[in-house]
C-alpha cells in the first residue's frame, strides 16, 4: 500500500473537518468534547486507518497499571498533558512536543482558548520539556463563537472551507508572546494542520514554520527517540518500559508516523 503526499494532506483536511463538525454536533446536544477526548478519538481514527502505513500510538497507562510504583508508592507527580509525535519520512525525521487546546463554545461571545493562560508558565514548561522536539500547540476549532468569521480567511491558495480549520497549529514561541487567550489574538499565528504536517520529499513542517509568526527554530534529528524502538518491540515488558519512559518525560502519550 502507498500513500502520496497529496493523499495525506487530503486525509488531514478530512480529520480537521471531522473535528469541526463533531464539536458543532456535540454543542447541539448540550455536550462538550474536551481536549483529551478529541485527541484520543483522533488517534483512534488514525490507528484504524493508518496502521497499514506504519502508524503506531501508545497512551500512558495510568488506569490499567494504577500508576508507576517505586518503593510501594504510586507516582503521578509531574505527569503532563503533552504528547510527542515523531514523523519519519525518507528525507525528514522530526519530533513534535504537542499540547492541545480547545476553542470554547461561546456562541454569543468572542472566542477564547480558555484552558490557555498566558500569565502561567505552561508555555515555558512545554518548551523546556521539548528537548530535541519542536514544541507546538494544536487547536481544535469550531464555528460556535461570535467571531468565527475569522476562519473565512483563506490562507490561499490551499483553502477548502472553514472546516479545514478544525485542527490548526501554532508554535510555542508564538504562544509565549500571546498577550491573552482570545481567538483574535492567537489566530494570526495558526495554520491549518494539513499545511503543517506532511509527507514526501519536502519537509512540510519546516516549510510551514518558516512562514509562521514567531522566531522558533525548526529542529530535525538523525535518530529515532528512544521510545520508538521500544514501541516497535513485541516483548511482554514493552508496555511497562514505555509507561516508565512516559512518566519520566511527563508525557501523556506518543504517536509514531512512519512514512519512510
C-alpha atoms as a PDB file:
ATOM      1  CA  UNK A   1       0.000   0.000   0.000  1.00  0.00           C
ATOM      2  CA  UNK A   2       1.201   3.523  -0.742  1.00  0.00           C
ATOM      3  CA  UNK A   3       0.170   6.959   0.443  1.00  0.00           C
ATOM      4  CA  UNK A   4       1.123  10.037  -1.557  1.00  0.00           C
ATOM      5  CA  UNK A   5       1.836  13.492  -0.182  1.00  0.00           C
ATOM      6  CA  UNK A   6      -1.375  14.829  -1.704  1.00  0.00           C
ATOM      7  CA  UNK A   7      -3.383  11.933  -0.303  1.00  0.00           C
ATOM      8  CA  UNK A   8      -2.092  12.640   3.189  1.00  0.00           C
ATOM      9  CA  UNK A   9      -2.935  16.354   3.014  1.00  0.00           C
ATOM     10  CA  UNK A  10      -6.473  15.451   1.935  1.00  0.00           C
ATOM     11  CA  UNK A  11      -6.672  12.963   4.797  1.00  0.00           C
ATOM     12  CA  UNK A  12      -5.549  15.556   7.355  1.00  0.00           C
ATOM     13  CA  UNK A  13      -8.107  18.050   5.997  1.00  0.00           C
ATOM     14  CA  UNK A  14     -10.786  15.389   6.383  1.00  0.00           C
ATOM     15  CA  UNK A  15      -9.796  14.828  10.009  1.00  0.00           C
ATOM     16  CA  UNK A  16      -9.896  18.569  10.674  1.00  0.00           C
ATOM     17  CA  UNK A  17     -13.366  18.794   9.141  1.00  0.00           C
ATOM     18  CA  UNK A  18     -14.477  15.877  11.273  1.00  0.00           C
ATOM     19  CA  UNK A  19     -13.296  17.640  14.471  1.00  0.00           C
ATOM     20  CA  UNK A  20     -15.065  20.829  13.347  1.00  0.00           C
ATOM     21  CA  UNK A  21     -18.368  19.000  12.750  1.00  0.00           C
ATOM     22  CA  UNK A  22     -18.192  16.712  15.793  1.00  0.00           C
ATOM     23  CA  UNK A  23     -17.817  19.673  18.122  1.00  0.00           C
ATOM     24  CA  UNK A  24     -20.644  21.516  16.380  1.00  0.00           C
ATOM     25  CA  UNK A  25     -22.912  18.458  16.726  1.00  0.00           C
ATOM     26  CA  UNK A  26     -21.923  17.982  20.366  1.00  0.00           C
ATOM     27  CA  UNK A  27     -22.987  21.547  21.185  1.00  0.00           C
ATOM     28  CA  UNK A  28     -26.398  20.924  19.608  1.00  0.00           C
ATOM     29  CA  UNK A  29     -26.913  18.100  22.137  1.00  0.00           C
ATOM     30  CA  UNK A  30     -25.633  20.181  25.074  1.00  0.00           C
ATOM     31  CA  UNK A  31     -22.365  18.252  25.126  1.00  0.00           C
ATOM     32  CA  UNK A  32     -18.778  19.481  25.124  1.00  0.00           C
ATOM     33  CA  UNK A  33     -15.856  17.408  23.859  1.00  0.00           C
ATOM     34  CA  UNK A  34     -12.739  18.028  25.936  1.00  0.00           C
ATOM     35  CA  UNK A  35      -9.201  18.210  24.551  1.00  0.00           C
ATOM     36  CA  UNK A  36      -8.372  14.762  25.874  1.00  0.00           C
ATOM     37  CA  UNK A  37     -11.429  13.149  24.261  1.00  0.00           C
ATOM     38  CA  UNK A  38     -10.810  14.792  20.890  1.00  0.00           C
ATOM     39  CA  UNK A  39      -7.116  13.849  20.867  1.00  0.00           C
ATOM     40  CA  UNK A  40      -7.723  10.235  21.792  1.00  0.00           C
ATOM     41  CA  UNK A  41     -10.580   9.850  19.296  1.00  0.00           C
ATOM     42  CA  UNK A  42      -8.437  11.358  16.543  1.00  0.00           C
ATOM     43  CA  UNK A  43      -5.657   8.925  17.341  1.00  0.00           C
ATOM     44  CA  UNK A  44      -8.140   6.053  17.367  1.00  0.00           C
ATOM     45  CA  UNK A  45      -9.218   7.009  13.838  1.00  0.00           C
ATOM     46  CA  UNK A  46      -5.599   7.249  12.735  1.00  0.00           C
ATOM     47  CA  UNK A  47      -4.860   3.856  14.272  1.00  0.00           C
ATOM     48  CA  UNK A  48      -7.710   2.259  12.335  1.00  0.00           C
ATOM     49  CA  UNK A  49      -6.833   3.942   9.061  1.00  0.00           C
ATOM     50  CA  UNK A  50      -3.055   4.472   9.088  1.00  0.00           C
ATOM     51  CA  UNK A  51      -1.703   1.356  10.829  1.00  0.00           C
ATOM     52  CA  UNK A  52      -1.075  -0.308   7.412  1.00  0.00           C
ATOM     53  CA  UNK A  53       1.168   2.665   6.608  1.00  0.00           C
ATOM     54  CA  UNK A  54       3.271   2.364   9.768  1.00  0.00           C
ATOM     55  CA  UNK A  55       1.325   4.399  12.332  1.00  0.00           C
ATOM     56  CA  UNK A  56       1.709   3.396  15.993  1.00  0.00           C
ATOM     57  CA  UNK A  57       0.415   5.033  19.174  1.00  0.00           C
ATOM     58  CA  UNK A  58       0.690   4.487  22.931  1.00  0.00           C
ATOM     59  CA  UNK A  59      -1.189   6.160  25.785  1.00  0.00           C
ATOM     60  CA  UNK A  60       0.238   6.488  29.277  1.00  0.00           C
ATOM     61  CA  UNK A  61      -1.370   3.501  31.006  1.00  0.00           C
ATOM     62  CA  UNK A  62      -2.368   5.091  34.282  1.00  0.00           C
ATOM     63  CA  UNK A  63      -5.686   3.192  34.554  1.00  0.00           C
ATOM     64  CA  UNK A  64      -4.530  -0.333  33.820  1.00  0.00           C
ATOM     65  CA  UNK A  65      -1.403  -0.193  35.921  1.00  0.00           C
ATOM     66  CA  UNK A  66      -2.632   2.214  38.597  1.00  0.00           C
ATOM     67  CA  UNK A  67       0.416   4.389  38.077  1.00  0.00           C
ATOM     68  CA  UNK A  68       4.096   3.561  38.288  1.00  0.00           C
ATOM     69  CA  UNK A  69       5.258   2.093  41.560  1.00  0.00           C
ATOM     70  CA  UNK A  70       8.546   2.728  43.266  1.00  0.00           C
ATOM     71  CA  UNK A  71       9.182   1.540  46.793  1.00  0.00           C
ATOM     72  CA  UNK A  72       5.499   0.693  47.155  1.00  0.00           C
ATOM     73  CA  UNK A  73       4.275   4.177  46.211  1.00  0.00           C
ATOM     74  CA  UNK A  74       2.313   5.272  43.178  1.00  0.00           C
ATOM     75  CA  UNK A  75       3.960   8.125  41.286  1.00  0.00           C
ATOM     76  CA  UNK A  76       1.860  10.549  39.277  1.00  0.00           C
ATOM     77  CA  UNK A  77       3.717  13.725  40.162  1.00  0.00           C
ATOM     78  CA  UNK A  78       4.858  15.822  37.223  1.00  0.00           C
ATOM     79  CA  UNK A  79       2.862  13.871  34.690  1.00  0.00           C
ATOM     80  CA  UNK A  80       1.903  16.200  31.871  1.00  0.00           C
ATOM     81  CA  UNK A  81      -0.797  16.528  29.247  1.00  0.00           C
ATOM     82  CA  UNK A  82       1.747  16.728  26.424  1.00  0.00           C
ATOM     83  CA  UNK A  83       2.073  14.277  23.553  1.00  0.00           C
ATOM     84  CA  UNK A  84       5.152  13.537  21.493  1.00  0.00           C
ATOM     85  CA  UNK A  85       4.621  12.818  17.816  1.00  0.00           C
ATOM     86  CA  UNK A  86       7.526  11.547  15.701  1.00  0.00           C
ATOM     87  CA  UNK A  87       7.455  11.693  11.902  1.00  0.00           C
ATOM     88  CA  UNK A  88       9.828   9.634   9.815  1.00  0.00           C
ATOM     89  CA  UNK A  89       9.942  10.139   6.046  1.00  0.00           C
ATOM     90  CA  UNK A  90      12.723   9.394   3.535  1.00  0.00           C
ATOM     91  CA  UNK A  91      14.022  12.955   3.821  1.00  0.00           C
ATOM     92  CA  UNK A  92      12.848  14.197   7.192  1.00  0.00           C
ATOM     93  CA  UNK A  93      12.909  12.857  10.753  1.00  0.00           C
ATOM     94  CA  UNK A  94      11.249  15.227  13.181  1.00  0.00           C
ATOM     95  CA  UNK A  95       9.647  15.178  16.643  1.00  0.00           C
ATOM     96  CA  UNK A  96       6.889  17.425  17.982  1.00  0.00           C
ATOM     97  CA  UNK A  97       6.072  18.053  21.619  1.00  0.00           C
ATOM     98  CA  UNK A  98       2.332  18.749  21.393  1.00  0.00           C
ATOM     99  CA  UNK A  99      -0.181  20.387  23.678  1.00  0.00           C
ATOM    100  CA  UNK A 100      -3.820  20.571  22.566  1.00  0.00           C
ATOM    101  CA  UNK A 101      -6.194  23.447  23.284  1.00  0.00           C
ATOM    102  CA  UNK A 102      -9.906  23.593  22.510  1.00  0.00           C
ATOM    103  CA  UNK A 103     -11.763  26.707  21.435  1.00  0.00           C
ATOM    104  CA  UNK A 104     -14.502  27.177  23.996  1.00  0.00           C
ATOM    105  CA  UNK A 105     -18.127  27.217  22.921  1.00  0.00           C
ATOM    106  CA  UNK A 106     -19.227  30.854  23.179  1.00  0.00           C
ATOM    107  CA  UNK A 107     -21.895  31.454  20.511  1.00  0.00           C
ATOM    108  CA  UNK A 108     -22.722  34.954  21.779  1.00  0.00           C
ATOM    109  CA  UNK A 109     -19.196  35.991  22.725  1.00  0.00           C
ATOM    110  CA  UNK A 110     -15.798  36.277  21.125  1.00  0.00           C
ATOM    111  CA  UNK A 111     -13.829  33.028  21.025  1.00  0.00           C
ATOM    112  CA  UNK A 112     -11.278  32.105  23.669  1.00  0.00           C
ATOM    113  CA  UNK A 113      -8.927  29.197  24.306  1.00  0.00           C
ATOM    114  CA  UNK A 114      -9.877  29.333  27.957  1.00  0.00           C
ATOM    115  CA  UNK A 115      -7.607  26.486  29.065  1.00  0.00           C
ATOM    116  CA  UNK A 116      -4.635  28.548  27.880  1.00  0.00           C
ATOM    117  CA  UNK A 117      -3.362  31.074  30.418  1.00  0.00           C
ATOM    118  CA  UNK A 118      -0.697  33.431  29.024  1.00  0.00           C
ATOM    119  CA  UNK A 119       0.225  34.526  32.563  1.00  0.00           C
ATOM    120  CA  UNK A 120       1.060  30.948  33.557  1.00  0.00           C
ATOM    121  CA  UNK A 121       4.338  29.162  32.831  1.00  0.00           C
ATOM    122  CA  UNK A 122       2.699  26.384  30.798  1.00  0.00           C
ATOM    123  CA  UNK A 123       4.270  27.531  27.511  1.00  0.00           C
ATOM    124  CA  UNK A 124       7.740  27.711  29.010  1.00  0.00           C
ATOM    125  CA  UNK A 125       7.257  24.273  30.549  1.00  0.00           C
ATOM    126  CA  UNK A 126       6.358  22.911  27.109  1.00  0.00           C
ATOM    127  CA  UNK A 127       9.479  24.493  25.640  1.00  0.00           C
ATOM    128  CA  UNK A 128      11.716  23.296  28.473  1.00  0.00           C
ATOM    129  CA  UNK A 129      10.487  19.724  28.182  1.00  0.00           C
ATOM    130  CA  UNK A 130      10.689  19.580  24.392  1.00  0.00           C
ATOM    131  CA  UNK A 131      14.384  18.725  24.162  1.00  0.00           C
ATOM    132  CA  UNK A 132      15.080  17.890  20.507  1.00  0.00           C
ATOM    133  CA  UNK A 133      11.376  18.015  19.671  1.00  0.00           C
ATOM    134  CA  UNK A 134       9.604  21.043  18.225  1.00  0.00           C
ATOM    135  CA  UNK A 135       7.165  22.447  20.820  1.00  0.00           C
ATOM    136  CA  UNK A 136       3.811  23.239  19.218  1.00  0.00           C
ATOM    137  CA  UNK A 137       0.175  23.795  20.068  1.00  0.00           C
ATOM    138  CA  UNK A 138      -2.645  22.020  18.236  1.00  0.00           C
ATOM    139  CA  UNK A 139      -6.024  23.757  18.355  1.00  0.00           C
ATOM    140  CA  UNK A 140      -9.453  22.180  17.997  1.00  0.00           C
ATOM    141  CA  UNK A 141     -11.732  24.774  16.425  1.00  0.00           C
ATOM    142  CA  UNK A 142     -15.439  25.040  15.562  1.00  0.00           C
ATOM    143  CA  UNK A 143     -17.969  27.651  14.390  1.00  0.00           C
ATOM    144  CA  UNK A 144     -19.631  28.131  17.790  1.00  0.00           C
ATOM    145  CA  UNK A 145     -18.140  31.549  18.614  1.00  0.00           C
ATOM    146  CA  UNK A 146     -19.183  35.078  17.736  1.00  0.00           C
ATOM    147  CA  UNK A 147     -16.035  35.782  15.685  1.00  0.00           C
ATOM    148  CA  UNK A 148     -15.991  32.511  13.740  1.00  0.00           C
ATOM    149  CA  UNK A 149     -15.773  34.581  10.568  1.00  0.00           C
ATOM    150  CA  UNK A 150     -12.020  34.672  11.226  1.00  0.00           C
ATOM    151  CA  UNK A 151     -11.970  31.149   9.833  1.00  0.00           C
ATOM    152  CA  UNK A 152     -13.122  32.530   6.494  1.00  0.00           C
ATOM    153  CA  UNK A 153      -9.588  33.800   5.957  1.00  0.00           C
ATOM    154  CA  UNK A 154      -8.349  31.558   3.244  1.00  0.00           C
ATOM    155  CA  UNK A 155      -4.600  31.308   3.522  1.00  0.00           C
ATOM    156  CA  UNK A 156      -4.873  30.920  -0.276  1.00  0.00           C
ATOM    157  CA  UNK A 157      -4.308  29.033  -2.436  1.00  0.00           C
ATOM    158  CA  UNK A 158      -4.601  25.947  -0.237  1.00  0.00           C
ATOM    159  CA  UNK A 159      -8.013  26.567   1.335  1.00  0.00           C
ATOM    160  CA  UNK A 160     -11.015  24.255   1.447  1.00  0.00           C
ATOM    161  CA  UNK A 161     -13.635  25.990   3.544  1.00  0.00           C
ATOM    162  CA  UNK A 162     -13.857  26.905   7.220  1.00  0.00           C
ATOM    163  CA  UNK A 163     -13.872  23.296   8.373  1.00  0.00           C
ATOM    164  CA  UNK A 164     -10.212  22.865   7.394  1.00  0.00           C
ATOM    165  CA  UNK A 165      -9.508  24.995  10.485  1.00  0.00           C
ATOM    166  CA  UNK A 166     -10.954  22.231  12.690  1.00  0.00           C
ATOM    167  CA  UNK A 167      -7.351  21.347  13.576  1.00  0.00           C
ATOM    168  CA  UNK A 168      -4.665  24.015  13.412  1.00  0.00           C
ATOM    169  CA  UNK A 169      -1.115  24.539  14.646  1.00  0.00           C
ATOM    170  CA  UNK A 170       0.907  27.363  16.231  1.00  0.00           C
ATOM    171  CA  UNK A 171       4.453  27.377  17.538  1.00  0.00           C
ATOM    172  CA  UNK A 172       5.210  27.571  21.240  1.00  0.00           C
ATOM    173  CA  UNK A 173       7.284  30.685  20.550  1.00  0.00           C
ATOM    174  CA  UNK A 174       4.208  32.468  19.185  1.00  0.00           C
ATOM    175  CA  UNK A 175       2.098  31.331  22.122  1.00  0.00           C
ATOM    176  CA  UNK A 176       4.724  32.538  24.573  1.00  0.00           C
ATOM    177  CA  UNK A 177       4.286  36.050  23.154  1.00  0.00           C
ATOM    178  CA  UNK A 178       0.471  35.990  23.198  1.00  0.00           C
ATOM    179  CA  UNK A 179      -0.969  38.703  25.441  1.00  0.00           C
ATOM    180  CA  UNK A 180      -4.285  36.876  26.048  1.00  0.00           C
ATOM    181  CA  UNK A 181      -6.223  33.739  25.114  1.00  0.00           C
ATOM    182  CA  UNK A 182      -8.606  35.298  22.585  1.00  0.00           C
ATOM    183  CA  UNK A 183      -9.109  33.655  19.212  1.00  0.00           C
ATOM    184  CA  UNK A 184      -8.451  37.009  17.533  1.00  0.00           C
ATOM    185  CA  UNK A 185      -5.047  37.181  19.249  1.00  0.00           C
ATOM    186  CA  UNK A 186      -3.960  33.618  18.567  1.00  0.00           C
ATOM    187  CA  UNK A 187      -5.477  33.092  15.124  1.00  0.00           C
ATOM    188  CA  UNK A 188      -2.744  35.050  13.250  1.00  0.00           C
ATOM    189  CA  UNK A 189      -0.150  32.539  14.459  1.00  0.00           C
ATOM    190  CA  UNK A 190      -2.083  29.482  13.288  1.00  0.00           C
ATOM    191  CA  UNK A 191      -2.070  27.431  10.111  1.00  0.00           C
ATOM    192  CA  UNK A 192      -4.454  24.570   9.289  1.00  0.00           C
ATOM    193  CA  UNK A 193      -2.698  21.373  10.256  1.00  0.00           C
ATOM    194  CA  UNK A 194      -2.863  19.877   6.762  1.00  0.00           C
ATOM    195  CA  UNK A 195      -0.419  22.639   5.780  1.00  0.00           C
ATOM    196  CA  UNK A 196       1.898  21.848   8.674  1.00  0.00           C
ATOM    197  CA  UNK A 197       2.083  18.072   8.757  1.00  0.00           C
ATOM    198  CA  UNK A 198       3.025  16.354   5.549  1.00  0.00           C
ATOM    199  CA  UNK A 199       4.937  13.589   3.858  1.00  0.00           C
ATOM    200  CA  UNK A 200       7.058  13.449   0.745  1.00  0.00           C
ATOM    201  CA  UNK A 201      10.430  14.798  -0.282  1.00  0.00           C
ATOM    202  CA  UNK A 202       9.773  18.258   1.146  1.00  0.00           C
ATOM    203  CA  UNK A 203       9.753  18.593   4.935  1.00  0.00           C
ATOM    204  CA  UNK A 204       6.443  20.434   5.006  1.00  0.00           C
ATOM    205  CA  UNK A 205       6.553  21.277   8.704  1.00  0.00           C
ATOM    206  CA  UNK A 206       9.857  23.100   8.218  1.00  0.00           C
ATOM    207  CA  UNK A 207       8.442  24.961   5.227  1.00  0.00           C
ATOM    208  CA  UNK A 208       5.275  25.880   7.132  1.00  0.00           C
ATOM    209  CA  UNK A 209       7.127  27.057  10.237  1.00  0.00           C
ATOM    210  CA  UNK A 210       9.244  29.388   8.116  1.00  0.00           C
ATOM    211  CA  UNK A 211       6.058  31.269   7.168  1.00  0.00           C
ATOM    212  CA  UNK A 212       4.527  31.347  10.669  1.00  0.00           C
ATOM    213  CA  UNK A 213       4.685  34.129  13.230  1.00  0.00           C
ATOM    214  CA  UNK A 214       7.463  33.908  15.780  1.00  0.00           C
ATOM    215  CA  UNK A 215      11.126  33.022  15.621  1.00  0.00           C
ATOM    216  CA  UNK A 216      11.070  29.376  16.633  1.00  0.00           C
ATOM    217  CA  UNK A 217      13.934  27.320  15.250  1.00  0.00           C
ATOM    218  CA  UNK A 218      12.899  24.161  13.409  1.00  0.00           C
ATOM    219  CA  UNK A 219      14.632  21.048  14.710  1.00  0.00           C
ATOM    220  CA  UNK A 220      15.273  17.872  12.769  1.00  0.00           C
ATOM    221  CA  UNK A 221      17.023  14.763  14.007  1.00  0.00           C
ATOM    222  CA  UNK A 222      19.042  11.890  12.578  1.00  0.00           C
ATOM    223  CA  UNK A 223      17.881   9.248  15.007  1.00  0.00           C
ATOM    224  CA  UNK A 224      14.658   7.966  16.469  1.00  0.00           C
ATOM    225  CA  UNK A 225      13.609   8.837  20.024  1.00  0.00           C
ATOM    226  CA  UNK A 226      14.214   6.024  22.488  1.00  0.00           C
ATOM    227  CA  UNK A 227      10.510   5.283  22.753  1.00  0.00           C
ATOM    228  CA  UNK A 228      10.110   4.483  19.040  1.00  0.00           C
ATOM    229  CA  UNK A 229      12.259   1.358  19.190  1.00  0.00           C
ATOM    230  CA  UNK A 230      10.517   0.235  22.374  1.00  0.00           C
ATOM    231  CA  UNK A 231       7.116   0.863  20.763  1.00  0.00           C
ATOM    232  CA  UNK A 232       8.020  -1.382  17.829  1.00  0.00           C
ATOM    233  CA  UNK A 233       9.079  -4.277  20.048  1.00  0.00           C
ATOM    234  CA  UNK A 234       6.783  -7.214  20.793  1.00  0.00           C
ATOM    235  CA  UNK A 235       8.239  -8.141  24.170  1.00  0.00           C
ATOM    236  CA  UNK A 236       5.921  -8.553  27.144  1.00  0.00           C
ATOM    237  CA  UNK A 237       7.829  -5.892  29.050  1.00  0.00           C
ATOM    238  CA  UNK A 238       7.258  -3.280  26.329  1.00  0.00           C
ATOM    239  CA  UNK A 239       4.257  -1.562  27.941  1.00  0.00           C
ATOM    240  CA  UNK A 240       5.983  -1.346  31.296  1.00  0.00           C
ATOM    241  CA  UNK A 241       9.087   0.177  29.701  1.00  0.00           C
ATOM    242  CA  UNK A 242       7.005   2.706  27.790  1.00  0.00           C
ATOM    243  CA  UNK A 243       4.970   3.651  30.853  1.00  0.00           C
ATOM    244  CA  UNK A 244       8.134   4.309  32.785  1.00  0.00           C
ATOM    245  CA  UNK A 245       9.611   6.363  29.950  1.00  0.00           C
ATOM    246  CA  UNK A 246       6.435   8.414  29.517  1.00  0.00           C
ATOM    247  CA  UNK A 247       6.322   9.046  33.242  1.00  0.00           C
ATOM    248  CA  UNK A 248       9.925  10.228  33.291  1.00  0.00           C
ATOM    249  CA  UNK A 249       9.350  12.569  30.337  1.00  0.00           C
ATOM    250  CA  UNK A 250       5.976  13.850  31.632  1.00  0.00           C
ATOM    251  CA  UNK A 251       4.157  12.669  28.506  1.00  0.00           C
ATOM    252  CA  UNK A 252       0.528  11.678  28.190  1.00  0.00           C
ATOM    253  CA  UNK A 253       1.201   9.623  25.091  1.00  0.00           C
ATOM    254  CA  UNK A 254       3.261   9.092  21.959  1.00  0.00           C
ATOM    255  CA  UNK A 255       2.493   8.631  18.280  1.00  0.00           C
ATOM    256  CA  UNK A 256       4.835   7.377  15.564  1.00  0.00           C
ATOM    257  CA  UNK A 257       4.181   8.215  11.906  1.00  0.00           C
ATOM    258  CA  UNK A 258       6.426   6.048   9.718  1.00  0.00           C
ATOM    259  CA  UNK A 259       6.245   7.128   6.099  1.00  0.00           C
ATOM    260  CA  UNK A 260       9.805   6.127   5.269  1.00  0.00           C
END
